[in-house]
């Protein structure tokens, strides 16, 4: 329990690599907050991991989604010890020209 009393946030943590990361943090005793867009996947992740897993549905490709996560963490009264930024989207264009509208398109999300 090396991470007892530590708090970790894993974006894109409802499945795949993110879920495995959240599971590792939980196994080591951390309180884990998983952020993702799909509430069904988040619910399944919470049930799979058990323990002190907390979930939040938010689209991190939007300013509103990011603000919701920040507000959630602030309201909890507990700072984060670790942030794993695992959420992502894929576009075959230079990063600086991707718009918020493009990045929130569900057909392009990973």
PDB file of N, CA and C in Angstrom:
ATOM      1  N   UNK A   1       0.836  -1.187   0.000  1.00  0.00           N
ATOM      2  CA  UNK A   1       0.000   0.000   0.000  1.00  0.00           C
ATOM      3  C   UNK A   1       0.882   1.252   0.000  1.00  0.00           C
ATOM      4  N   UNK A   2       1.697   1.357  -1.015  1.00  0.00           N
ATOM      5  CA  UNK A   2       2.640   2.473  -1.101  1.00  0.00           C
ATOM      6  C   UNK A   2       1.962   3.815  -1.344  1.00  0.00           C
ATOM      7  N   UNK A   3       0.734   3.814  -1.835  1.00  0.00           N
ATOM      8  CA  UNK A   3       0.062   5.069  -2.171  1.00  0.00           C
ATOM      9  C   UNK A   3      -1.113   5.378  -1.248  1.00  0.00           C
ATOM     10  N   UNK A   4      -1.116   4.786  -0.068  1.00  0.00           N
ATOM     11  CA  UNK A   4      -2.174   5.047   0.909  1.00  0.00           C
ATOM     12  C   UNK A   4      -2.248   6.540   1.205  1.00  0.00           C
ATOM     13  N   UNK A   5      -3.477   7.077   1.257  1.00  0.00           N
ATOM     14  CA  UNK A   5      -3.736   8.506   1.490  1.00  0.00           C
ATOM     15  C   UNK A   5      -3.253   9.402   0.357  1.00  0.00           C
ATOM     16  N   UNK A   6      -3.046   8.841  -0.815  1.00  0.00           N
ATOM     17  CA  UNK A   6      -2.697   9.618  -2.008  1.00  0.00           C
ATOM     18  C   UNK A   6      -3.910   9.634  -2.921  1.00  0.00           C
ATOM     19  N   UNK A   7      -4.008  10.682  -3.739  1.00  0.00           N
ATOM     20  CA  UNK A   7      -5.143  10.815  -4.652  1.00  0.00           C
ATOM     21  C   UNK A   7      -4.634  10.931  -6.073  1.00  0.00           C
ATOM     22  N   UNK A   8      -5.179  10.088  -6.950  1.00  0.00           N
ATOM     23  CA  UNK A   8      -4.775  10.071  -8.350  1.00  0.00           C
ATOM     24  C   UNK A   8      -5.978  10.307  -9.245  1.00  0.00           C
ATOM     25  N   UNK A   9      -5.788  11.073 -10.302  1.00  0.00           N
ATOM     26  CA  UNK A   9      -6.802  11.290 -11.328  1.00  0.00           C
ATOM     27  C   UNK A   9      -6.278  10.671 -12.613  1.00  0.00           C
ATOM     28  N   UNK A  10      -7.080   9.809 -13.225  1.00  0.00           N
ATOM     29  CA  UNK A  10      -6.710   9.162 -14.486  1.00  0.00           C
ATOM     30  C   UNK A  10      -7.747   9.548 -15.529  1.00  0.00           C
ATOM     31  N   UNK A  11      -7.337  10.331 -16.525  1.00  0.00           N
ATOM     32  CA  UNK A  11      -8.250  10.663 -17.613  1.00  0.00           C
ATOM     33  C   UNK A  11      -8.253   9.497 -18.599  1.00  0.00           C
ATOM     34  N   UNK A  12      -9.390   9.286 -19.233  1.00  0.00           N
ATOM     35  CA  UNK A  12      -9.497   8.158 -20.150  1.00  0.00           C
ATOM     36  C   UNK A  12      -9.304   6.835 -19.429  1.00  0.00           C
ATOM     37  N   UNK A  13      -9.757   6.780 -18.180  1.00  0.00           N
ATOM     38  CA  UNK A  13      -9.494   5.618 -17.338  1.00  0.00           C
ATOM     39  C   UNK A  13     -10.591   4.589 -17.276  1.00  0.00           C
ATOM     40  N   UNK A  14     -11.575   4.688 -18.146  1.00  0.00           N
ATOM     41  CA  UNK A  14     -12.699   3.751 -18.057  1.00  0.00           C
ATOM     42  C   UNK A  14     -12.464   2.439 -18.797  1.00  0.00           C
ATOM     43  N   UNK A  15     -11.422   2.369 -19.619  1.00  0.00           N
ATOM     44  CA  UNK A  15     -11.080   1.099 -20.267  1.00  0.00           C
ATOM     45  C   UNK A  15      -9.644   1.143 -20.784  1.00  0.00           C
ATOM     46  N   UNK A  16      -9.192   0.029 -21.311  1.00  0.00           N
ATOM     47  CA  UNK A  16      -7.875  -0.048 -21.922  1.00  0.00           C
ATOM     48  C   UNK A  16      -6.727   0.282 -20.974  1.00  0.00           C
ATOM     49  N   UNK A  17      -5.750   1.002 -21.508  1.00  0.00           N
ATOM     50  CA  UNK A  17      -4.560   1.365 -20.733  1.00  0.00           C
ATOM     51  C   UNK A  17      -4.927   2.197 -19.517  1.00  0.00           C
ATOM     52  N   UNK A  18      -5.854   3.131 -19.674  1.00  0.00           N
ATOM     53  CA  UNK A  18      -6.262   3.976 -18.553  1.00  0.00           C
ATOM     54  C   UNK A  18      -6.848   3.176 -17.405  1.00  0.00           C
ATOM     55  N   UNK A  19      -7.657   2.180 -17.722  1.00  0.00           N
ATOM     56  CA  UNK A  19      -8.235   1.330 -16.685  1.00  0.00           C
ATOM     57  C   UNK A  19      -7.142   0.539 -15.974  1.00  0.00           C
ATOM     58  N   UNK A  20      -6.181   0.038 -16.727  1.00  0.00           N
ATOM     59  CA  UNK A  20      -5.069  -0.696 -16.114  1.00  0.00           C
ATOM     60  C   UNK A  20      -4.251   0.205 -15.189  1.00  0.00           C
ATOM     61  N   UNK A  21      -4.062   1.457 -15.586  1.00  0.00           N
ATOM     62  CA  UNK A  21      -3.348   2.413 -14.743  1.00  0.00           C
ATOM     63  C   UNK A  21      -4.138   2.680 -13.467  1.00  0.00           C
ATOM     64  N   UNK A  22      -5.450   2.917 -13.609  1.00  0.00           N
ATOM     65  CA  UNK A  22      -6.302   3.150 -12.443  1.00  0.00           C
ATOM     66  C   UNK A  22      -6.276   1.947 -11.509  1.00  0.00           C
ATOM     67  N   UNK A  23      -6.281   0.758 -12.073  1.00  0.00           N
ATOM     68  CA  UNK A  23      -6.244  -0.466 -11.275  1.00  0.00           C
ATOM     69  C   UNK A  23      -4.933  -0.562 -10.496  1.00  0.00           C
ATOM     70  N   UNK A  24      -3.827  -0.212 -11.118  1.00  0.00           N
ATOM     71  CA  UNK A  24      -2.531  -0.252 -10.438  1.00  0.00           C
ATOM     72  C   UNK A  24      -2.483   0.744  -9.282  1.00  0.00           C
ATOM     73  N   UNK A  25      -2.981   1.947  -9.502  1.00  0.00           N
ATOM     74  CA  UNK A  25      -3.021   2.936  -8.427  1.00  0.00           C
ATOM     75  C   UNK A  25      -3.901   2.450  -7.281  1.00  0.00           C
ATOM     76  N   UNK A  26      -5.067   1.906  -7.614  1.00  0.00           N
ATOM     77  CA  UNK A  26      -5.980   1.412  -6.596  1.00  0.00           C
ATOM     78  C   UNK A  26      -5.350   0.269  -5.800  1.00  0.00           C
ATOM     79  N   UNK A  27      -4.708  -0.649  -6.490  1.00  0.00           N
ATOM     80  CA  UNK A  27      -4.061  -1.789  -5.838  1.00  0.00           C
ATOM     81  C   UNK A  27      -2.996  -1.330  -4.832  1.00  0.00           C
ATOM     82  N   UNK A  28      -2.363  -0.198  -5.128  1.00  0.00           N
ATOM     83  CA  UNK A  28      -1.327   0.335  -4.248  1.00  0.00           C
ATOM     84  C   UNK A  28      -1.892   1.252  -3.160  1.00  0.00           C
ATOM     85  N   UNK A  29      -3.231   1.344  -3.078  1.00  0.00           N
ATOM     86  CA  UNK A  29      -3.869   2.051  -1.981  1.00  0.00           C
ATOM     87  C   UNK A  29      -4.315   3.469  -2.259  1.00  0.00           C
ATOM     88  N   UNK A  30      -4.143   3.952  -3.481  1.00  0.00           N
ATOM     89  CA  UNK A  30      -4.546   5.323  -3.807  1.00  0.00           C
ATOM     90  C   UNK A  30      -6.061   5.437  -3.925  1.00  0.00           C
ATOM     91  N   UNK A  31      -6.571   6.616  -3.623  1.00  0.00           N
ATOM     92  CA  UNK A  31      -7.947   6.968  -3.935  1.00  0.00           C
ATOM     93  C   UNK A  31      -7.922   7.465  -5.374  1.00  0.00           C
ATOM     94  N   UNK A  32      -8.701   6.848  -6.232  1.00  0.00           N
ATOM     95  CA  UNK A  32      -8.609   7.116  -7.667  1.00  0.00           C
ATOM     96  C   UNK A  32      -9.878   7.772  -8.187  1.00  0.00           C
ATOM     97  N   UNK A  33      -9.694   8.826  -8.965  1.00  0.00           N
ATOM     98  CA  UNK A  33     -10.779   9.473  -9.697  1.00  0.00           C
ATOM     99  C   UNK A  33     -10.544   9.199 -11.175  1.00  0.00           C
ATOM    100  N   UNK A  34     -11.502   8.521 -11.793  1.00  0.00           N
ATOM    101  CA  UNK A  34     -11.429   8.229 -13.231  1.00  0.00           C
ATOM    102  C   UNK A  34     -12.343   9.193 -13.956  1.00  0.00           C
ATOM    103  N   UNK A  35     -11.818   9.836 -14.991  1.00  0.00           N
ATOM    104  CA  UNK A  35     -12.608  10.750 -15.812  1.00  0.00           C
ATOM    105  C   UNK A  35     -12.718  10.164 -17.213  1.00  0.00           C
ATOM    106  N   UNK A  36     -13.931  10.151 -17.737  1.00  0.00           N
ATOM    107  CA  UNK A  36     -14.178   9.677 -19.098  1.00  0.00           C
ATOM    108  C   UNK A  36     -15.508  10.228 -19.577  1.00  0.00           C
ATOM    109  N   UNK A  37     -15.818   9.991 -20.837  1.00  0.00           N
ATOM    110  CA  UNK A  37     -17.069  10.507 -21.401  1.00  0.00           C
ATOM    111  C   UNK A  37     -18.228   9.538 -21.275  1.00  0.00           C
ATOM    112  N   UNK A  38     -17.964   8.257 -21.329  1.00  0.00           N
ATOM    113  CA  UNK A  38     -19.003   7.230 -21.409  1.00  0.00           C
ATOM    114  C   UNK A  38     -19.401   6.757 -20.007  1.00  0.00           C
ATOM    115  N   UNK A  39     -20.604   7.136 -19.574  1.00  0.00           N
ATOM    116  CA  UNK A  39     -21.033   6.799 -18.210  1.00  0.00           C
ATOM    117  C   UNK A  39     -21.166   5.289 -17.995  1.00  0.00           C
ATOM    118  N   UNK A  40     -21.553   4.548 -19.032  1.00  0.00           N
ATOM    119  CA  UNK A  40     -21.662   3.094 -18.889  1.00  0.00           C
ATOM    120  C   UNK A  40     -20.283   2.471 -18.650  1.00  0.00           C
ATOM    121  N   UNK A  41     -19.285   2.940 -19.378  1.00  0.00           N
ATOM    122  CA  UNK A  41     -17.923   2.434 -19.168  1.00  0.00           C
ATOM    123  C   UNK A  41     -17.393   2.839 -17.795  1.00  0.00           C
ATOM    124  N   UNK A  42     -17.727   4.050 -17.367  1.00  0.00           N
ATOM    125  CA  UNK A  42     -17.292   4.506 -16.046  1.00  0.00           C
ATOM    126  C   UNK A  42     -17.923   3.642 -14.949  1.00  0.00           C
ATOM    127  N   UNK A  43     -19.211   3.343 -15.078  1.00  0.00           N
ATOM    128  CA  UNK A  43     -19.892   2.492 -14.102  1.00  0.00           C
ATOM    129  C   UNK A  43     -19.270   1.097 -14.070  1.00  0.00           C
ATOM    130  N   UNK A  44     -18.975   0.545 -15.241  1.00  0.00           N
ATOM    131  CA  UNK A  44     -18.351  -0.780 -15.317  1.00  0.00           C
ATOM    132  C   UNK A  44     -16.959  -0.753 -14.685  1.00  0.00           C
ATOM    133  N   UNK A  45     -16.215   0.314 -14.914  1.00  0.00           N
ATOM    134  CA  UNK A  45     -14.871   0.437 -14.325  1.00  0.00           C
ATOM    135  C   UNK A  45     -14.965   0.498 -12.804  1.00  0.00           C
ATOM    136  N   UNK A  46     -15.912   1.268 -12.291  1.00  0.00           N
ATOM    137  CA  UNK A  46     -16.091   1.381 -10.839  1.00  0.00           C
ATOM    138  C   UNK A  46     -16.423   0.024 -10.230  1.00  0.00           C
ATOM    139  N   UNK A  47     -17.325  -0.716 -10.882  1.00  0.00           N
ATOM    140  CA  UNK A  47     -17.692  -2.038 -10.374  1.00  0.00           C
ATOM    141  C   UNK A  47     -16.509  -3.000 -10.442  1.00  0.00           C
ATOM    142  N   UNK A  48     -15.764  -2.945 -11.528  1.00  0.00           N
ATOM    143  CA  UNK A  48     -14.603  -3.824 -11.712  1.00  0.00           C
ATOM    144  C   UNK A  48     -13.536  -3.560 -10.653  1.00  0.00           C
ATOM    145  N   UNK A  49     -13.271  -2.288 -10.377  1.00  0.00           N
ATOM    146  CA  UNK A  49     -12.185  -1.937  -9.470  1.00  0.00           C
ATOM    147  C   UNK A  49     -12.595  -1.937  -8.006  1.00  0.00           C
ATOM    148  N   UNK A  50     -13.853  -1.594  -7.723  1.00  0.00           N
ATOM    149  CA  UNK A  50     -14.300  -1.546  -6.338  1.00  0.00           C
ATOM    150  C   UNK A  50     -13.511  -0.521  -5.543  1.00  0.00           C
ATOM    151  N   UNK A  51     -13.367  -0.753  -4.263  1.00  0.00           N
ATOM    152  CA  UNK A  51     -12.561   0.121  -3.421  1.00  0.00           C
ATOM    153  C   UNK A  51     -13.018   1.561  -3.438  1.00  0.00           C
ATOM    154  N   UNK A  52     -12.065   2.463  -3.420  1.00  0.00           N
ATOM    155  CA  UNK A  52     -12.363   3.895  -3.333  1.00  0.00           C
ATOM    156  C   UNK A  52     -12.279   4.566  -4.700  1.00  0.00           C
ATOM    157  N   UNK A  53     -12.843   3.916  -5.701  1.00  0.00           N
ATOM    158  CA  UNK A  53     -12.850   4.477  -7.050  1.00  0.00           C
ATOM    159  C   UNK A  53     -13.996   5.471  -7.170  1.00  0.00           C
ATOM    160  N   UNK A  54     -13.671   6.635  -7.688  1.00  0.00           N
ATOM    161  CA  UNK A  54     -14.662   7.675  -7.951  1.00  0.00           C
ATOM    162  C   UNK A  54     -14.632   7.934  -9.452  1.00  0.00           C
ATOM    163  N   UNK A  55     -15.783   8.218 -10.039  1.00  0.00           N
ATOM    164  CA  UNK A  55     -15.819   8.486 -11.472  1.00  0.00           C
ATOM    165  C   UNK A  55     -16.498   9.822 -11.742  1.00  0.00           C
ATOM    166  N   UNK A  56     -16.132  10.395 -12.864  1.00  0.00           N
ATOM    167  CA  UNK A  56     -16.738  11.648 -13.304  1.00  0.00           C
ATOM    168  C   UNK A  56     -16.837  11.621 -14.819  1.00  0.00           C
ATOM    169  N   UNK A  57     -18.030  11.856 -15.323  1.00  0.00           N
ATOM    170  CA  UNK A  57     -18.231  11.926 -16.766  1.00  0.00           C
ATOM    171  C   UNK A  57     -17.969  13.357 -17.231  1.00  0.00           C
ATOM    172  N   UNK A  58     -16.985  13.506 -18.115  1.00  0.00           N
ATOM    173  CA  UNK A  58     -16.648  14.819 -18.661  1.00  0.00           C
ATOM    174  C   UNK A  58     -15.916  14.625 -19.981  1.00  0.00           C
ATOM    175  N   UNK A  59     -16.190  15.497 -20.929  1.00  0.00           N
ATOM    176  CA  UNK A  59     -15.522  15.474 -22.226  1.00  0.00           C
ATOM    177  C   UNK A  59     -14.340  16.439 -22.164  1.00  0.00           C
ATOM    178  N   UNK A  60     -13.149  15.899 -22.048  1.00  0.00           N
ATOM    179  CA  UNK A  60     -11.958  16.728 -21.884  1.00  0.00           C
ATOM    180  C   UNK A  60     -11.491  17.379 -23.182  1.00  0.00           C
ATOM    181  N   UNK A  61     -12.234  17.164 -24.250  1.00  0.00           N
ATOM    182  CA  UNK A  61     -11.932  17.851 -25.506  1.00  0.00           C
ATOM    183  C   UNK A  61     -12.609  19.216 -25.550  1.00  0.00           C
ATOM    184  N   UNK A  62     -13.362  19.529 -24.491  1.00  0.00           N
ATOM    185  CA  UNK A  62     -14.060  20.813 -24.440  1.00  0.00           C
ATOM    186  C   UNK A  62     -13.626  21.602 -23.211  1.00  0.00           C
ATOM    187  N   UNK A  63     -13.716  22.909 -23.314  1.00  0.00           N
ATOM    188  CA  UNK A  63     -13.401  23.773 -22.172  1.00  0.00           C
ATOM    189  C   UNK A  63     -14.345  23.499 -21.009  1.00  0.00           C
ATOM    190  N   UNK A  64     -15.605  23.249 -21.303  1.00  0.00           N
ATOM    191  CA  UNK A  64     -16.592  22.965 -20.256  1.00  0.00           C
ATOM    192  C   UNK A  64     -16.258  21.672 -19.513  1.00  0.00           C
ATOM    193  N   UNK A  65     -15.818  20.672 -20.237  1.00  0.00           N
ATOM    194  CA  UNK A  65     -15.439  19.406 -19.610  1.00  0.00           C
ATOM    195  C   UNK A  65     -14.241  19.566 -18.689  1.00  0.00           C
ATOM    196  N   UNK A  66     -13.266  20.307 -19.145  1.00  0.00           N
ATOM    197  CA  UNK A  66     -12.080  20.565 -18.318  1.00  0.00           C
ATOM    198  C   UNK A  66     -12.467  21.334 -17.071  1.00  0.00           C
ATOM    199  N   UNK A  67     -13.305  22.349 -17.235  1.00  0.00           N
ATOM    200  CA  UNK A  67     -13.757  23.157 -16.092  1.00  0.00           C
ATOM    201  C   UNK A  67     -14.516  22.290 -15.088  1.00  0.00           C
ATOM    202  N   UNK A  68     -15.303  21.332 -15.573  1.00  0.00           N
ATOM    203  CA  UNK A  68     -16.059  20.450 -14.680  1.00  0.00           C
ATOM    204  C   UNK A  68     -15.126  19.603 -13.821  1.00  0.00           C
ATOM    205  N   UNK A  69     -14.048  19.129 -14.412  1.00  0.00           N
ATOM    206  CA  UNK A  69     -13.084  18.327 -13.652  1.00  0.00           C
ATOM    207  C   UNK A  69     -12.394  19.193 -12.604  1.00  0.00           C
ATOM    208  N   UNK A  70     -11.962  20.377 -13.003  1.00  0.00           N
ATOM    209  CA  UNK A  70     -11.302  21.285 -12.060  1.00  0.00           C
ATOM    210  C   UNK A  70     -12.228  21.602 -10.896  1.00  0.00           C
ATOM    211  N   UNK A  71     -13.475  21.901 -11.198  1.00  0.00           N
ATOM    212  CA  UNK A  71     -14.454  22.225 -10.152  1.00  0.00           C
ATOM    213  C   UNK A  71     -14.686  21.032  -9.231  1.00  0.00           C
ATOM    214  N   UNK A  72     -14.772  19.847  -9.810  1.00  0.00           N
ATOM    215  CA  UNK A  72     -14.982  18.626  -9.015  1.00  0.00           C
ATOM    216  C   UNK A  72     -13.826  18.421  -8.026  1.00  0.00           C
ATOM    217  N   UNK A  73     -12.618  18.587  -8.496  1.00  0.00           N
ATOM    218  CA  UNK A  73     -11.446  18.411  -7.630  1.00  0.00           C
ATOM    219  C   UNK A  73     -11.428  19.487  -6.541  1.00  0.00           C
ATOM    220  N   UNK A  74     -11.730  20.728  -6.913  1.00  0.00           N
ATOM    221  CA  UNK A  74     -11.774  21.811  -5.918  1.00  0.00           C
ATOM    222  C   UNK A  74     -12.797  21.521  -4.831  1.00  0.00           C
ATOM    223  N   UNK A  75     -14.003  21.100  -5.240  1.00  0.00           N
ATOM    224  CA  UNK A  75     -15.081  20.843  -4.279  1.00  0.00           C
ATOM    225  C   UNK A  75     -14.754  19.689  -3.336  1.00  0.00           C
ATOM    226  N   UNK A  76     -13.929  18.766  -3.782  1.00  0.00           N
ATOM    227  CA  UNK A  76     -13.599  17.619  -2.939  1.00  0.00           C
ATOM    228  C   UNK A  76     -12.768  18.036  -1.734  1.00  0.00           C
ATOM    229  N   UNK A  77     -12.067  19.156  -1.843  1.00  0.00           N
ATOM    230  CA  UNK A  77     -11.238  19.615  -0.741  1.00  0.00           C
ATOM    231  C   UNK A  77      -9.934  18.867  -0.587  1.00  0.00           C
ATOM    232  N   UNK A  78      -9.659  17.955  -1.502  1.00  0.00           N
ATOM    233  CA  UNK A  78      -8.416  17.183  -1.456  1.00  0.00           C
ATOM    234  C   UNK A  78      -7.615  17.432  -2.719  1.00  0.00           C
ATOM    235  N   UNK A  79      -6.370  17.823  -2.575  1.00  0.00           N
ATOM    236  CA  UNK A  79      -5.552  18.041  -3.768  1.00  0.00           C
ATOM    237  C   UNK A  79      -5.187  16.708  -4.427  1.00  0.00           C
ATOM    238  N   UNK A  80      -4.807  16.806  -5.678  1.00  0.00           N
ATOM    239  CA  UNK A  80      -4.326  15.626  -6.390  1.00  0.00           C
ATOM    240  C   UNK A  80      -2.844  15.431  -6.102  1.00  0.00           C
ATOM    241  N   UNK A  81      -2.448  14.182  -5.961  1.00  0.00           N
ATOM    242  CA  UNK A  81      -1.032  13.855  -5.842  1.00  0.00           C
ATOM    243  C   UNK A  81      -0.462  13.438  -7.195  1.00  0.00           C
ATOM    244  N   UNK A  82      -1.342  12.858  -8.037  1.00  0.00           N
ATOM    245  CA  UNK A  82      -0.905  12.348  -9.329  1.00  0.00           C
ATOM    246  C   UNK A  82      -1.980  12.597 -10.375  1.00  0.00           C
ATOM    247  N   UNK A  83      -1.539  13.009 -11.555  1.00  0.00           N
ATOM    248  CA  UNK A  83      -2.426  13.160 -12.706  1.00  0.00           C
ATOM    249  C   UNK A  83      -1.861  12.330 -13.845  1.00  0.00           C
ATOM    250  N   UNK A  84      -2.670  11.411 -14.354  1.00  0.00           N
ATOM    251  CA  UNK A  84      -2.303  10.641 -15.541  1.00  0.00           C
ATOM    252  C   UNK A  84      -3.215  11.111 -16.661  1.00  0.00           C
ATOM    253  N   UNK A  85      -2.640  11.833 -17.605  1.00  0.00           N
ATOM    254  CA  UNK A  85      -3.410  12.387 -18.715  1.00  0.00           C
ATOM    255  C   UNK A  85      -3.403  11.380 -19.856  1.00  0.00           C
ATOM    256  N   UNK A  86      -4.322  10.425 -19.786  1.00  0.00           N
ATOM    257  CA  UNK A  86      -4.382   9.320 -20.731  1.00  0.00           C
ATOM    258  C   UNK A  86      -5.433   9.516 -21.827  1.00  0.00           C
ATOM    259  N   UNK A  87      -6.357  10.455 -21.651  1.00  0.00           N
ATOM    260  CA  UNK A  87      -7.397  10.690 -22.659  1.00  0.00           C
ATOM    261  C   UNK A  87      -6.762  11.293 -23.902  1.00  0.00           C
ATOM    262  N   UNK A  88      -7.324  10.974 -25.044  1.00  0.00           N
ATOM    263  CA  UNK A  88      -6.755  11.549 -26.256  1.00  0.00           C
ATOM    264  C   UNK A  88      -7.656  11.416 -27.463  1.00  0.00           C
ATOM    265  N   UNK A  89      -7.313  12.170 -28.474  1.00  0.00           N
ATOM    266  CA  UNK A  89      -7.959  12.106 -29.771  1.00  0.00           C
ATOM    267  C   UNK A  89      -6.860  12.040 -30.825  1.00  0.00           C
ATOM    268  N   UNK A  90      -7.201  11.577 -32.000  1.00  0.00           N
ATOM    269  CA  UNK A  90      -6.200  11.452 -33.053  1.00  0.00           C
ATOM    270  C   UNK A  90      -6.617  12.227 -34.293  1.00  0.00           C
ATOM    271  N   UNK A  91      -5.758  13.117 -34.727  1.00  0.00           N
ATOM    272  CA  UNK A  91      -5.943  13.869 -35.971  1.00  0.00           C
ATOM    273  C   UNK A  91      -4.623  13.880 -36.716  1.00  0.00           C
ATOM    274  N   UNK A  92      -4.690  13.757 -38.003  1.00  0.00           N
ATOM    275  CA  UNK A  92      -3.470  13.769 -38.809  1.00  0.00           C
ATOM    276  C   UNK A  92      -3.209  15.164 -39.351  1.00  0.00           C
ATOM    277  N   UNK A  93      -3.188  16.131 -38.451  1.00  0.00           N
ATOM    278  CA  UNK A  93      -2.913  17.531 -38.780  1.00  0.00           C
ATOM    279  C   UNK A  93      -2.040  18.096 -37.658  1.00  0.00           C
ATOM    280  N   UNK A  94      -1.351  19.201 -37.907  1.00  0.00           N
ATOM    281  CA  UNK A  94      -0.566  19.811 -36.830  1.00  0.00           C
ATOM    282  C   UNK A  94      -1.445  20.179 -35.639  1.00  0.00           C
ATOM    283  N   UNK A  95      -0.946  19.922 -34.449  1.00  0.00           N
ATOM    284  CA  UNK A  95      -1.690  20.149 -33.210  1.00  0.00           C
ATOM    285  C   UNK A  95      -2.283  21.540 -33.132  1.00  0.00           C
ATOM    286  N   UNK A  96      -1.522  22.545 -33.508  1.00  0.00           N
ATOM    287  CA  UNK A  96      -1.960  23.927 -33.317  1.00  0.00           C
ATOM    288  C   UNK A  96      -3.165  24.319 -34.182  1.00  0.00           C
ATOM    289  N   UNK A  97      -3.545  23.504 -35.156  1.00  0.00           N
ATOM    290  CA  UNK A  97      -4.707  23.869 -35.976  1.00  0.00           C
ATOM    291  C   UNK A  97      -5.952  23.038 -35.659  1.00  0.00           C
ATOM    292  N   UNK A  98      -5.891  22.157 -34.663  1.00  0.00           N
ATOM    293  CA  UNK A  98      -7.059  21.381 -34.270  1.00  0.00           C
ATOM    294  C   UNK A  98      -7.964  22.270 -33.426  1.00  0.00           C
ATOM    295  N   UNK A  99      -9.219  22.370 -33.838  1.00  0.00           N
ATOM    296  CA  UNK A  99     -10.175  23.202 -33.101  1.00  0.00           C
ATOM    297  C   UNK A  99     -10.853  22.386 -32.006  1.00  0.00           C
ATOM    298  N   UNK A 100     -11.482  23.077 -31.074  1.00  0.00           N
ATOM    299  CA  UNK A 100     -12.223  22.398 -30.016  1.00  0.00           C
ATOM    300  C   UNK A 100     -13.352  21.571 -30.614  1.00  0.00           C
ATOM    301  N   UNK A 101     -13.999  22.073 -31.651  1.00  0.00           N
ATOM    302  CA  UNK A 101     -15.094  21.344 -32.290  1.00  0.00           C
ATOM    303  C   UNK A 101     -14.590  20.035 -32.900  1.00  0.00           C
ATOM    304  N   UNK A 102     -13.432  20.065 -33.555  1.00  0.00           N
ATOM    305  CA  UNK A 102     -12.871  18.848 -34.131  1.00  0.00           C
ATOM    306  C   UNK A 102     -12.524  17.818 -33.050  1.00  0.00           C
ATOM    307  N   UNK A 103     -11.898  18.289 -31.997  1.00  0.00           N
ATOM    308  CA  UNK A 103     -11.415  17.364 -30.982  1.00  0.00           C
ATOM    309  C   UNK A 103     -12.538  16.711 -30.193  1.00  0.00           C
ATOM    310  N   UNK A 104     -13.728  17.276 -30.206  1.00  0.00           N
ATOM    311  CA  UNK A 104     -14.837  16.674 -29.471  1.00  0.00           C
ATOM    312  C   UNK A 104     -15.694  15.774 -30.357  1.00  0.00           C
ATOM    313  N   UNK A 105     -15.306  15.617 -31.609  1.00  0.00           N
ATOM    314  CA  UNK A 105     -16.050  14.748 -32.519  1.00  0.00           C
ATOM    315  C   UNK A 105     -15.907  13.293 -32.085  1.00  0.00           C
ATOM    316  N   UNK A 106     -17.011  12.591 -31.756  1.00  0.00           N
ATOM    317  CA  UNK A 106     -16.917  11.219 -31.267  1.00  0.00           C
ATOM    318  C   UNK A 106     -16.314  10.269 -32.266  1.00  0.00           C
ATOM    319  N   UNK A 107     -16.416  10.533 -33.551  1.00  0.00           N
ATOM    320  CA  UNK A 107     -15.883   9.599 -34.542  1.00  0.00           C
ATOM    321  C   UNK A 107     -14.361   9.651 -34.597  1.00  0.00           C
ATOM    322  N   UNK A 108     -13.740  10.680 -34.061  1.00  0.00           N
ATOM    323  CA  UNK A 108     -12.296  10.800 -34.085  1.00  0.00           C
ATOM    324  C   UNK A 108     -11.636  10.472 -32.757  1.00  0.00           C
ATOM    325  N   UNK A 109     -12.437  10.288 -31.719  1.00  0.00           N
ATOM    326  CA  UNK A 109     -11.866  10.063 -30.389  1.00  0.00           C
ATOM    327  C   UNK A 109     -11.301   8.671 -30.264  1.00  0.00           C
ATOM    328  N   UNK A 110     -10.290   8.571 -29.446  1.00  0.00           N
ATOM    329  CA  UNK A 110      -9.671   7.278 -29.180  1.00  0.00           C
ATOM    330  C   UNK A 110     -10.352   6.614 -28.010  1.00  0.00           C
TER     331      UNK A 110
END
